[in-house]
Amino acid sequence: PSQIASVISSEQFEEMRQKLNRLPAPPTPPRLSKDDWFGGVRVFLIV
């Protein structure tokens, strides 16, 4: 969100960048998680 990004310093951005670089490689192609599937089911039930 723009308001949150506006209060983050360059040092904090650098810290985030380093943490992101240490994350494991994401799946390719992207996959839906169990929560995603349950989210769709909840949408159906609400409607």
ModelCIF file with pLDDT and N, C-alpha, C, O atoms, coordinates in Angstrom:
data_MODEL
#
_entry.id   MODEL 
#
_entity.id                         1 
_entity.type                       polymer 
_entity.pdbx_number_of_molecules   1 
#
_entity_poly.entity_id                      1 
_entity_poly.type                           'polypeptide(L)' 
_entity_poly.nstd_linkage                   no 
_entity_poly.nstd_monomer                   no 
_entity_poly.pdbx_seq_one_letter_code       PSQIASVISSEQFEEMRQKLNRLPAPPTPPRLSKDDWFGGVRVFLIV 
_entity_poly.pdbx_seq_one_letter_code_can   PSQIASVISSEQFEEMRQKLNRLPAPPTPPRLSKDDWFGGVRVFLIV 
_entity_poly.pdbx_strand_id                 A 
#
loop_
_entity_poly_seq.entity_id 
_entity_poly_seq.num 
_entity_poly_seq.mon_id 
_entity_poly_seq.hetero 
1 1  PRO n 
1 2  SER n 
1 3  GLN n 
1 4  ILE n 
1 5  ALA n 
1 6  SER n 
1 7  VAL n 
1 8  ILE n 
1 9  SER n 
1 10 SER n 
1 11 GLU n 
1 12 GLN n 
1 13 PHE n 
1 14 GLU n 
1 15 GLU n 
1 16 MET n 
1 17 ARG n 
1 18 GLN n 
1 19 LYS n 
1 20 LEU n 
1 21 ASN n 
1 22 ARG n 
1 23 LEU n 
1 24 PRO n 
1 25 ALA n 
1 26 PRO n 
1 27 PRO n 
1 28 THR n 
1 29 PRO n 
1 30 PRO n 
1 31 ARG n 
1 32 LEU n 
1 33 SER n 
1 34 LYS n 
1 35 ASP n 
1 36 ASP n 
1 37 TRP n 
1 38 PHE n 
1 39 GLY n 
1 40 GLY n 
1 41 VAL n 
1 42 ARG n 
1 43 VAL n 
1 44 PHE n 
1 45 LEU n 
1 46 ILE n 
1 47 VAL n 
#
_struct_asym.id          A 
_struct_asym.entity_id   1 
#
loop_
_ma_qa_metric.id 
_ma_qa_metric.mode 
_ma_qa_metric.name 
_ma_qa_metric.software_group_id 
_ma_qa_metric.type 
1 global pLDDT . pLDDT 
2 local  pLDDT . pLDDT 
#
_ma_qa_metric_global.metric_id      1 
_ma_qa_metric_global.metric_value   86.21 
_ma_qa_metric_global.model_id       1 
_ma_qa_metric_global.ordinal_id     1 
#
loop_
_ma_qa_metric_local.label_asym_id 
_ma_qa_metric_local.label_comp_id 
_ma_qa_metric_local.label_seq_id 
_ma_qa_metric_local.metric_id 
_ma_qa_metric_local.metric_value 
_ma_qa_metric_local.model_id 
_ma_qa_metric_local.ordinal_id 
A PRO 1  2 83.00 1 1  
A SER 2  2 85.00 1 2  
A GLN 3  2 84.00 1 3  
A ILE 4  2 86.00 1 4  
A ALA 5  2 84.00 1 5  
A SER 6  2 85.00 1 6  
A VAL 7  2 87.00 1 7  
A ILE 8  2 88.00 1 8  
A SER 9  2 87.00 1 9  
A SER 10 2 85.00 1 10 
A GLU 11 2 88.00 1 11 
A GLN 12 2 89.00 1 12 
A PHE 13 2 87.00 1 13 
A GLU 14 2 86.00 1 14 
A GLU 15 2 89.00 1 15 
A MET 16 2 88.00 1 16 
A ARG 17 2 87.00 1 17 
A GLN 18 2 88.00 1 18 
A LYS 19 2 88.00 1 19 
A LEU 20 2 87.00 1 20 
A ASN 21 2 84.00 1 21 
A ARG 22 2 85.00 1 22 
A LEU 23 2 83.00 1 23 
A PRO 24 2 82.00 1 24 
A ALA 25 2 76.00 1 25 
A PRO 26 2 72.00 1 26 
A PRO 27 2 67.00 1 27 
A THR 28 2 72.00 1 28 
A PRO 29 2 77.00 1 29 
A PRO 30 2 82.00 1 30 
A ARG 31 2 85.00 1 31 
A LEU 32 2 88.00 1 32 
A SER 33 2 88.00 1 33 
A LYS 34 2 90.00 1 34 
A ASP 35 2 90.00 1 35 
A ASP 36 2 91.00 1 36 
A TRP 37 2 93.00 1 37 
A PHE 38 2 92.00 1 38 
A GLY 39 2 90.00 1 39 
A GLY 40 2 92.00 1 40 
A VAL 41 2 93.00 1 41 
A ARG 42 2 92.00 1 42 
A VAL 43 2 92.00 1 43 
A PHE 44 2 93.00 1 44 
A LEU 45 2 92.00 1 45 
A ILE 46 2 91.00 1 46 
A VAL 47 2 89.00 1 47 
#
loop_
_atom_site.group_PDB 
_atom_site.id 
_atom_site.type_symbol 
_atom_site.label_atom_id 
_atom_site.label_alt_id 
_atom_site.label_comp_id 
_atom_site.label_asym_id 
_atom_site.label_entity_id 
_atom_site.label_seq_id 
_atom_site.pdbx_PDB_ins_code 
_atom_site.Cartn_x 
_atom_site.Cartn_y 
_atom_site.Cartn_z 
_atom_site.occupancy 
_atom_site.B_iso_or_equiv 
_atom_site.pdbx_formal_charge 
_atom_site.auth_seq_id 
_atom_site.auth_comp_id 
_atom_site.auth_asym_id 
_atom_site.auth_atom_id 
_atom_site.pdbx_PDB_model_num 
ATOM 1   N N  . PRO A 1 1  ? 0.842   -1.205  0.000   1.00 83.00 ? 1  PRO A N  1 
ATOM 2   C CA . PRO A 1 1  ? 0.000   0.000   0.000   1.00 83.00 ? 1  PRO A CA 1 
ATOM 3   C C  . PRO A 1 1  ? 0.872   1.248   0.000   1.00 83.00 ? 1  PRO A C  1 
ATOM 4   O O  . PRO A 1 1  ? 1.899   1.289   0.678   1.00 83.00 ? 1  PRO A O  1 
ATOM 5   N N  . SER A 1 2  ? 0.472   2.257   -0.750  1.00 85.00 ? 2  SER A N  1 
ATOM 6   C CA . SER A 1 2  ? 1.312   3.435   -0.951  1.00 85.00 ? 2  SER A CA 1 
ATOM 7   C C  . SER A 1 2  ? 1.634   4.157   0.354   1.00 85.00 ? 2  SER A C  1 
ATOM 8   O O  . SER A 1 2  ? 2.745   4.657   0.529   1.00 85.00 ? 2  SER A O  1 
ATOM 9   N N  . GLN A 1 3  ? 0.660   4.214   1.278   1.00 84.00 ? 3  GLN A N  1 
ATOM 10  C CA . GLN A 1 3  ? 0.910   4.917   2.535   1.00 84.00 ? 3  GLN A CA 1 
ATOM 11  C C  . GLN A 1 3  ? 1.958   4.202   3.376   1.00 84.00 ? 3  GLN A C  1 
ATOM 12  O O  . GLN A 1 3  ? 2.756   4.849   4.053   1.00 84.00 ? 3  GLN A O  1 
ATOM 13  N N  . ILE A 1 4  ? 1.964   2.876   3.338   1.00 86.00 ? 4  ILE A N  1 
ATOM 14  C CA . ILE A 1 4  ? 2.970   2.115   4.085   1.00 86.00 ? 4  ILE A CA 1 
ATOM 15  C C  . ILE A 1 4  ? 4.333   2.271   3.432   1.00 86.00 ? 4  ILE A C  1 
ATOM 16  O O  . ILE A 1 4  ? 5.337   2.480   4.113   1.00 86.00 ? 4  ILE A O  1 
ATOM 17  N N  . ALA A 1 5  ? 4.362   2.168   2.104   1.00 84.00 ? 5  ALA A N  1 
ATOM 18  C CA . ALA A 1 5  ? 5.636   2.299   1.390   1.00 84.00 ? 5  ALA A CA 1 
ATOM 19  C C  . ALA A 1 5  ? 6.268   3.665   1.601   1.00 84.00 ? 5  ALA A C  1 
ATOM 20  O O  . ALA A 1 5  ? 7.493   3.788   1.583   1.00 84.00 ? 5  ALA A O  1 
ATOM 21  N N  . SER A 1 6  ? 5.443   4.703   1.804   1.00 85.00 ? 6  SER A N  1 
ATOM 22  C CA . SER A 1 6  ? 5.971   6.062   1.934   1.00 85.00 ? 6  SER A CA 1 
ATOM 23  C C  . SER A 1 6  ? 6.729   6.288   3.234   1.00 85.00 ? 6  SER A C  1 
ATOM 24  O O  . SER A 1 6  ? 7.497   7.245   3.332   1.00 85.00 ? 6  SER A O  1 
ATOM 25  N N  . VAL A 1 7  ? 6.534   5.429   4.238   1.00 87.00 ? 7  VAL A N  1 
ATOM 26  C CA . VAL A 1 7  ? 7.196   5.642   5.533   1.00 87.00 ? 7  VAL A CA 1 
ATOM 27  C C  . VAL A 1 7  ? 8.353   4.664   5.746   1.00 87.00 ? 7  VAL A C  1 
ATOM 28  O O  . VAL A 1 7  ? 8.946   4.637   6.825   1.00 87.00 ? 7  VAL A O  1 
ATOM 29  N N  . ILE A 1 8  ? 8.677   3.862   4.731   1.00 88.00 ? 8  ILE A N  1 
ATOM 30  C CA . ILE A 1 8  ? 9.768   2.891   4.851   1.00 88.00 ? 8  ILE A CA 1 
ATOM 31  C C  . ILE A 1 8  ? 11.056  3.514   4.333   1.00 88.00 ? 8  ILE A C  1 
ATOM 32  O O  . ILE A 1 8  ? 11.088  4.082   3.241   1.00 88.00 ? 8  ILE A O  1 
ATOM 33  N N  . SER A 1 9  ? 12.106  3.404   5.117   1.00 87.00 ? 9  SER A N  1 
ATOM 34  C CA . SER A 1 9  ? 13.397  3.994   4.746   1.00 87.00 ? 9  SER A CA 1 
ATOM 35  C C  . SER A 1 9  ? 14.131  3.102   3.748   1.00 87.00 ? 9  SER A C  1 
ATOM 36  O O  . SER A 1 9  ? 13.776  1.940   3.551   1.00 87.00 ? 9  SER A O  1 
ATOM 37  N N  . SER A 1 10 ? 15.158  3.669   3.125   1.00 85.00 ? 10 SER A N  1 
ATOM 38  C CA . SER A 1 10 ? 15.953  2.901   2.167   1.00 85.00 ? 10 SER A CA 1 
ATOM 39  C C  . SER A 1 10 ? 16.655  1.731   2.853   1.00 85.00 ? 10 SER A C  1 
ATOM 40  O O  . SER A 1 10 ? 16.843  0.678   2.244   1.00 85.00 ? 10 SER A O  1 
ATOM 41  N N  . GLU A 1 11 ? 17.045  1.910   4.119   1.00 88.00 ? 11 GLU A N  1 
ATOM 42  C CA . GLU A 1 11 ? 17.677  0.815   4.855   1.00 88.00 ? 11 GLU A CA 1 
ATOM 43  C C  . GLU A 1 11 ? 16.701  -0.349  5.066   1.00 88.00 ? 11 GLU A C  1 
ATOM 44  O O  . GLU A 1 11 ? 17.078  -1.516  4.965   1.00 88.00 ? 11 GLU A O  1 
ATOM 45  N N  . GLN A 1 12 ? 15.442  -0.008  5.358   1.00 89.00 ? 12 GLN A N  1 
ATOM 46  C CA . GLN A 1 12 ? 14.433  -1.047  5.539   1.00 89.00 ? 12 GLN A CA 1 
ATOM 47  C C  . GLN A 1 12 ? 14.123  -1.760  4.225   1.00 89.00 ? 12 GLN A C  1 
ATOM 48  O O  . GLN A 1 12 ? 13.899  -2.970  4.201   1.00 89.00 ? 12 GLN A O  1 
ATOM 49  N N  . PHE A 1 13 ? 14.112  -0.989  3.128   1.00 87.00 ? 13 PHE A N  1 
ATOM 50  C CA . PHE A 1 13 ? 13.927  -1.619  1.816   1.00 87.00 ? 13 PHE A CA 1 
ATOM 51  C C  . PHE A 1 13 ? 15.069  -2.587  1.518   1.00 87.00 ? 13 PHE A C  1 
ATOM 52  O O  . PHE A 1 13 ? 14.849  -3.676  0.988   1.00 87.00 ? 13 PHE A O  1 
ATOM 53  N N  . GLU A 1 14 ? 16.265  -2.190  1.857   1.00 86.00 ? 14 GLU A N  1 
ATOM 54  C CA . GLU A 1 14 ? 17.423  -3.050  1.609   1.00 86.00 ? 14 GLU A CA 1 
ATOM 55  C C  . GLU A 1 14 ? 17.337  -4.317  2.457   1.00 86.00 ? 14 GLU A C  1 
ATOM 56  O O  . GLU A 1 14 ? 17.677  -5.405  1.994   1.00 86.00 ? 14 GLU A O  1 
ATOM 57  N N  . GLU A 1 15 ? 16.887  -4.170  3.684   1.00 89.00 ? 15 GLU A N  1 
ATOM 58  C CA . GLU A 1 15 ? 16.734  -5.347  4.550   1.00 89.00 ? 15 GLU A CA 1 
ATOM 59  C C  . GLU A 1 15 ? 15.691  -6.304  3.973   1.00 89.00 ? 15 GLU A C  1 
ATOM 60  O O  . GLU A 1 15 ? 15.877  -7.521  3.983   1.00 89.00 ? 15 GLU A O  1 
ATOM 61  N N  . MET A 1 16 ? 14.597  -5.742  3.475   1.00 88.00 ? 16 MET A N  1 
ATOM 62  C CA . MET A 1 16 ? 13.567  -6.588  2.866   1.00 88.00 ? 16 MET A CA 1 
ATOM 63  C C  . MET A 1 16 ? 14.098  -7.275  1.617   1.00 88.00 ? 16 MET A C  1 
ATOM 64  O O  . MET A 1 16 ? 13.811  -8.447  1.373   1.00 88.00 ? 16 MET A O  1 
ATOM 65  N N  . ARG A 1 17 ? 14.873  -6.541  0.831   1.00 87.00 ? 17 ARG A N  1 
ATOM 66  C CA . ARG A 1 17 ? 15.415  -7.123  -0.402  1.00 87.00 ? 17 ARG A CA 1 
ATOM 67  C C  . ARG A 1 17 ? 16.316  -8.310  -0.082  1.00 87.00 ? 17 ARG A C  1 
ATOM 68  O O  . ARG A 1 17 ? 16.268  -9.334  -0.763  1.00 87.00 ? 17 ARG A O  1 
ATOM 69  N N  . GLN A 1 18 ? 17.131  -8.171  0.945   1.00 88.00 ? 18 GLN A N  1 
ATOM 70  C CA . GLN A 1 18 ? 18.019  -9.264  1.325   1.00 88.00 ? 18 GLN A CA 1 
ATOM 71  C C  . GLN A 1 18 ? 17.233  -10.478 1.819   1.00 88.00 ? 18 GLN A C  1 
ATOM 72  O O  . GLN A 1 18 ? 17.582  -11.617 1.509   1.00 88.00 ? 18 GLN A O  1 
ATOM 73  N N  . LYS A 1 19 ? 16.177  -10.230 2.584   1.00 88.00 ? 19 LYS A N  1 
ATOM 74  C CA . LYS A 1 19 ? 15.355  -11.338 3.072   1.00 88.00 ? 19 LYS A CA 1 
ATOM 75  C C  . LYS A 1 19 ? 14.642  -12.036 1.917   1.00 88.00 ? 19 LYS A C  1 
ATOM 76  O O  . LYS A 1 19 ? 14.518  -13.261 1.908   1.00 88.00 ? 19 LYS A O  1 
ATOM 77  N N  . LEU A 1 20 ? 14.176  -11.257 0.948   1.00 87.00 ? 20 LEU A N  1 
ATOM 78  C CA . LEU A 1 20 ? 13.508  -11.848 -0.214  1.00 87.00 ? 20 LEU A CA 1 
ATOM 79  C C  . LEU A 1 20 ? 14.481  -12.692 -1.027  1.00 87.00 ? 20 LEU A C  1 
ATOM 80  O O  . LEU A 1 20 ? 14.106  -13.736 -1.559  1.00 87.00 ? 20 LEU A O  1 
ATOM 81  N N  . ASN A 1 21 ? 15.704  -12.252 -1.123  1.00 84.00 ? 21 ASN A N  1 
ATOM 82  C CA . ASN A 1 21 ? 16.714  -13.010 -1.869  1.00 84.00 ? 21 ASN A CA 1 
ATOM 83  C C  . ASN A 1 21 ? 17.046  -14.335 -1.194  1.00 84.00 ? 21 ASN A C  1 
ATOM 84  O O  . ASN A 1 21 ? 17.496  -15.275 -1.848  1.00 84.00 ? 21 ASN A O  1 
ATOM 85  N N  . ARG A 1 22 ? 16.823  -14.406 0.114   1.00 85.00 ? 22 ARG A N  1 
ATOM 86  C CA . ARG A 1 22 ? 17.116  -15.642 0.833   1.00 85.00 ? 22 ARG A CA 1 
ATOM 87  C C  . ARG A 1 22 ? 15.953  -16.623 0.839   1.00 85.00 ? 22 ARG A C  1 
ATOM 88  O O  . ARG A 1 22 ? 16.093  -17.754 1.305   1.00 85.00 ? 22 ARG A O  1 
ATOM 89  N N  . LEU A 1 23 ? 14.812  -16.198 0.326   1.00 83.00 ? 23 LEU A N  1 
ATOM 90  C CA . LEU A 1 23 ? 13.659  -17.099 0.274   1.00 83.00 ? 23 LEU A CA 1 
ATOM 91  C C  . LEU A 1 23 ? 13.915  -18.237 -0.711  1.00 83.00 ? 23 LEU A C  1 
ATOM 92  O O  . LEU A 1 23 ? 14.666  -18.064 -1.671  1.00 83.00 ? 23 LEU A O  1 
ATOM 93  N N  . PRO A 1 24 ? 13.289  -19.415 -0.482  1.00 82.00 ? 24 PRO A N  1 
ATOM 94  C CA . PRO A 1 24 ? 13.424  -20.492 -1.465  1.00 82.00 ? 24 PRO A CA 1 
ATOM 95  C C  . PRO A 1 24 ? 12.768  -20.112 -2.784  1.00 82.00 ? 24 PRO A C  1 
ATOM 96  O O  . PRO A 1 24 ? 11.876  -19.265 -2.830  1.00 82.00 ? 24 PRO A O  1 
ATOM 97  N N  . ALA A 1 25 ? 13.215  -20.739 -3.831  1.00 76.00 ? 25 ALA A N  1 
ATOM 98  C CA . ALA A 1 25 ? 12.666  -20.443 -5.154  1.00 76.00 ? 25 ALA A CA 1 
ATOM 99  C C  . ALA A 1 25 ? 11.175  -20.754 -5.187  1.00 76.00 ? 25 ALA A C  1 
ATOM 100 O O  . ALA A 1 25 ? 10.767  -21.819 -4.723  1.00 76.00 ? 25 ALA A O  1 
ATOM 101 N N  . PRO A 1 26 ? 10.354  -19.860 -5.719  1.00 72.00 ? 26 PRO A N  1 
ATOM 102 C CA . PRO A 1 26 ? 8.907   -20.097 -5.768  1.00 72.00 ? 26 PRO A CA 1 
ATOM 103 C C  . PRO A 1 26 ? 8.573   -21.166 -6.796  1.00 72.00 ? 26 PRO A C  1 
ATOM 104 O O  . PRO A 1 26 ? 9.352   -21.407 -7.718  1.00 72.00 ? 26 PRO A O  1 
ATOM 105 N N  . PRO A 1 27 ? 7.413   -21.811 -6.643  1.00 67.00 ? 27 PRO A N  1 
ATOM 106 C CA . PRO A 1 27 ? 7.023   -22.862 -7.600  1.00 67.00 ? 27 PRO A CA 1 
ATOM 107 C C  . PRO A 1 27 ? 6.729   -22.279 -8.975  1.00 67.00 ? 27 PRO A C  1 
ATOM 108 O O  . PRO A 1 27 ? 6.233   -21.160 -9.101  1.00 67.00 ? 27 PRO A O  1 
ATOM 109 N N  . THR A 1 28 ? 7.041   -23.051 -9.991  1.00 72.00 ? 28 THR A N  1 
ATOM 110 C CA . THR A 1 28 ? 6.759   -22.653 -11.366 1.00 72.00 ? 28 THR A CA 1 
ATOM 111 C C  . THR A 1 28 ? 6.080   -23.810 -12.083 1.00 72.00 ? 28 THR A C  1 
ATOM 112 O O  . THR A 1 28 ? 6.669   -24.888 -12.167 1.00 72.00 ? 28 THR A O  1 
ATOM 113 N N  . PRO A 1 29 ? 4.877   -23.638 -12.601 1.00 77.00 ? 29 PRO A N  1 
ATOM 114 C CA . PRO A 1 29 ? 4.035   -22.448 -12.490 1.00 77.00 ? 29 PRO A CA 1 
ATOM 115 C C  . PRO A 1 29 ? 3.440   -22.298 -11.094 1.00 77.00 ? 29 PRO A C  1 
ATOM 116 O O  . PRO A 1 29 ? 3.562   -23.208 -10.273 1.00 77.00 ? 29 PRO A O  1 
ATOM 117 N N  . PRO A 1 30 ? 2.792   -21.151 -10.808 1.00 82.00 ? 30 PRO A N  1 
ATOM 118 C CA . PRO A 1 30 ? 2.196   -20.956 -9.477  1.00 82.00 ? 30 PRO A CA 1 
ATOM 119 C C  . PRO A 1 30 ? 1.111   -21.995 -9.216  1.00 82.00 ? 30 PRO A C  1 
ATOM 120 O O  . PRO A 1 30 ? 0.449   -22.469 -10.139 1.00 82.00 ? 30 PRO A O  1 
ATOM 121 N N  . ARG A 1 31 ? 0.941   -22.338 -7.945  1.00 85.00 ? 31 ARG A N  1 
ATOM 122 C CA . ARG A 1 31 ? -0.066  -23.334 -7.561  1.00 85.00 ? 31 ARG A CA 1 
ATOM 123 C C  . ARG A 1 31 ? -0.978  -22.748 -6.493  1.00 85.00 ? 31 ARG A C  1 
ATOM 124 O O  . ARG A 1 31 ? -0.545  -21.980 -5.634  1.00 85.00 ? 31 ARG A O  1 
ATOM 125 N N  . LEU A 1 32 ? -2.243  -23.125 -6.565  1.00 88.00 ? 32 LEU A N  1 
ATOM 126 C CA . LEU A 1 32 ? -3.194  -22.702 -5.543  1.00 88.00 ? 32 LEU A CA 1 
ATOM 127 C C  . LEU A 1 32 ? -2.954  -23.499 -4.271  1.00 88.00 ? 32 LEU A C  1 
ATOM 128 O O  . LEU A 1 32 ? -2.728  -24.708 -4.318  1.00 88.00 ? 32 LEU A O  1 
ATOM 129 N N  . SER A 1 33 ? -3.006  -22.810 -3.129  1.00 88.00 ? 33 SER A N  1 
ATOM 130 C CA . SER A 1 33 ? -2.827  -23.469 -1.841  1.00 88.00 ? 33 SER A CA 1 
ATOM 131 C C  . SER A 1 33 ? -4.157  -24.009 -1.333  1.00 88.00 ? 33 SER A C  1 
ATOM 132 O O  . SER A 1 33 ? -5.210  -23.767 -1.923  1.00 88.00 ? 33 SER A O  1 
ATOM 133 N N  . LYS A 1 34 ? -4.087  -24.740 -0.234  1.00 90.00 ? 34 LYS A N  1 
ATOM 134 C CA . LYS A 1 34 ? -5.311  -25.257 0.381   1.00 90.00 ? 34 LYS A CA 1 
ATOM 135 C C  . LYS A 1 34 ? -6.236  -24.115 0.789   1.00 90.00 ? 34 LYS A C  1 
ATOM 136 O O  . LYS A 1 34 ? -7.453  -24.217 0.640   1.00 90.00 ? 34 LYS A O  1 
ATOM 137 N N  . ASP A 1 35 ? -5.664  -23.027 1.304   1.00 90.00 ? 35 ASP A N  1 
ATOM 138 C CA . ASP A 1 35 ? -6.474  -21.876 1.688   1.00 90.00 ? 35 ASP A CA 1 
ATOM 139 C C  . ASP A 1 35 ? -7.163  -21.246 0.482   1.00 90.00 ? 35 ASP A C  1 
ATOM 140 O O  . ASP A 1 35 ? -8.300  -20.785 0.586   1.00 90.00 ? 35 ASP A O  1 
ATOM 141 N N  . ASP A 1 36 ? -6.478  -21.225 -0.663  1.00 91.00 ? 36 ASP A N  1 
ATOM 142 C CA . ASP A 1 36 ? -7.096  -20.693 -1.878  1.00 91.00 ? 36 ASP A CA 1 
ATOM 143 C C  . ASP A 1 36 ? -8.313  -21.523 -2.283  1.00 91.00 ? 36 ASP A C  1 
ATOM 144 O O  . ASP A 1 36 ? -9.361  -20.978 -2.628  1.00 91.00 ? 36 ASP A O  1 
ATOM 145 N N  . TRP A 1 37 ? -8.158  -22.856 -2.237  1.00 93.00 ? 37 TRP A N  1 
ATOM 146 C CA . TRP A 1 37 ? -9.284  -23.721 -2.598  1.00 93.00 ? 37 TRP A CA 1 
ATOM 147 C C  . TRP A 1 37 ? -10.446 -23.535 -1.627  1.00 93.00 ? 37 TRP A C  1 
ATOM 148 O O  . TRP A 1 37 ? -11.601 -23.455 -2.044  1.00 93.00 ? 37 TRP A O  1 
ATOM 149 N N  . PHE A 1 38 ? -10.137 -23.466 -0.332  1.00 92.00 ? 38 PHE A N  1 
ATOM 150 C CA . PHE A 1 38 ? -11.199 -23.266 0.655   1.00 92.00 ? 38 PHE A CA 1 
ATOM 151 C C  . PHE A 1 38 ? -11.834 -21.889 0.509   1.00 92.00 ? 38 PHE A C  1 
ATOM 152 O O  . PHE A 1 38 ? -13.027 -21.726 0.764   1.00 92.00 ? 38 PHE A O  1 
ATOM 153 N N  . GLY A 1 39 ? -11.041 -20.892 0.098   1.00 90.00 ? 39 GLY A N  1 
ATOM 154 C CA . GLY A 1 39 ? -11.598 -19.568 -0.138  1.00 90.00 ? 39 GLY A CA 1 
ATOM 155 C C  . GLY A 1 39 ? -12.651 -19.586 -1.228  1.00 90.00 ? 39 GLY A C  1 
ATOM 156 O O  . GLY A 1 39 ? -13.696 -18.949 -1.091  1.00 90.00 ? 39 GLY A O  1 
ATOM 157 N N  . GLY A 1 40 ? -12.391 -20.309 -2.314  1.00 92.00 ? 40 GLY A N  1 
ATOM 158 C CA . GLY A 1 40 ? -13.381 -20.435 -3.380  1.00 92.00 ? 40 GLY A CA 1 
ATOM 159 C C  . GLY A 1 40 ? -14.634 -21.144 -2.916  1.00 92.00 ? 40 GLY A C  1 
ATOM 160 O O  . GLY A 1 40 ? -15.743 -20.770 -3.297  1.00 92.00 ? 40 GLY A O  1 
ATOM 161 N N  . VAL A 1 41 ? -14.461 -22.180 -2.083  1.00 93.00 ? 41 VAL A N  1 
ATOM 162 C CA . VAL A 1 41 ? -15.620 -22.890 -1.540  1.00 93.00 ? 41 VAL A CA 1 
ATOM 163 C C  . VAL A 1 41 ? -16.450 -21.960 -0.666  1.00 93.00 ? 41 VAL A C  1 
ATOM 164 O O  . VAL A 1 41 ? -17.680 -21.995 -0.699  1.00 93.00 ? 41 VAL A O  1 
ATOM 165 N N  . ARG A 1 42 ? -15.771 -21.133 0.113   1.00 92.00 ? 42 ARG A N  1 
ATOM 166 C CA . ARG A 1 42 ? -16.513 -20.194 0.970   1.00 92.00 ? 42 ARG A CA 1 
ATOM 167 C C  . ARG A 1 42 ? -17.279 -19.183 0.127   1.00 92.00 ? 42 ARG A C  1 
ATOM 168 O O  . ARG A 1 42 ? -18.410 -18.829 0.463   1.00 92.00 ? 42 ARG A O  1 
ATOM 169 N N  . VAL A 1 43 ? -16.681 -18.715 -0.961  1.00 92.00 ? 43 VAL A N  1 
ATOM 170 C CA . VAL A 1 43 ? -17.392 -17.809 -1.864  1.00 92.00 ? 43 VAL A CA 1 
ATOM 171 C C  . VAL A 1 43 ? -18.679 -18.460 -2.352  1.00 92.00 ? 43 VAL A C  1 
ATOM 172 O O  . VAL A 1 43 ? -19.743 -17.841 -2.343  1.00 92.00 ? 43 VAL A O  1 
ATOM 173 N N  . PHE A 1 44 ? -18.569 -19.722 -2.781  1.00 93.00 ? 44 PHE A N  1 
ATOM 174 C CA . PHE A 1 44 ? -19.744 -20.452 -3.265  1.00 93.00 ? 44 PHE A CA 1 
ATOM 175 C C  . PHE A 1 44 ? -20.816 -20.551 -2.179  1.00 93.00 ? 44 PHE A C  1 
ATOM 176 O O  . PHE A 1 44 ? -21.994 -20.316 -2.447  1.00 93.00 ? 44 PHE A O  1 
ATOM 177 N N  . LEU A 1 45 ? -20.415 -20.896 -0.964  1.00 92.00 ? 45 LEU A N  1 
ATOM 178 C CA . LEU A 1 45 ? -21.380 -21.071 0.119   1.00 92.00 ? 45 LEU A CA 1 
ATOM 179 C C  . LEU A 1 45 ? -22.071 -19.762 0.485   1.00 92.00 ? 45 LEU A C  1 
ATOM 180 O O  . LEU A 1 45 ? -23.270 -19.741 0.762   1.00 92.00 ? 45 LEU A O  1 
ATOM 181 N N  . ILE A 1 46 ? -21.307 -18.670 0.483   1.00 91.00 ? 46 ILE A N  1 
ATOM 182 C CA . ILE A 1 46 ? -21.912 -17.377 0.811   1.00 91.00 ? 46 ILE A CA 1 
ATOM 183 C C  . ILE A 1 46 ? -22.977 -17.003 -0.202  1.00 91.00 ? 46 ILE A C  1 
ATOM 184 O O  . ILE A 1 46 ? -24.079 -16.599 0.167   1.00 91.00 ? 46 ILE A O  1 
ATOM 185 N N  . VAL A 1 47 ? -22.646 -17.137 -1.484  1.00 89.00 ? 47 VAL A N  1 
ATOM 186 C CA . VAL A 1 47 ? -23.594 -16.755 -2.539  1.00 89.00 ? 47 VAL A CA 1 
ATOM 187 C C  . VAL A 1 47 ? -24.854 -17.615 -2.482  1.00 89.00 ? 47 VAL A C  1 
ATOM 188 O O  . VAL A 1 47 ? -25.761 -17.434 -3.294  1.00 89.00 ? 47 VAL A O  1 
#
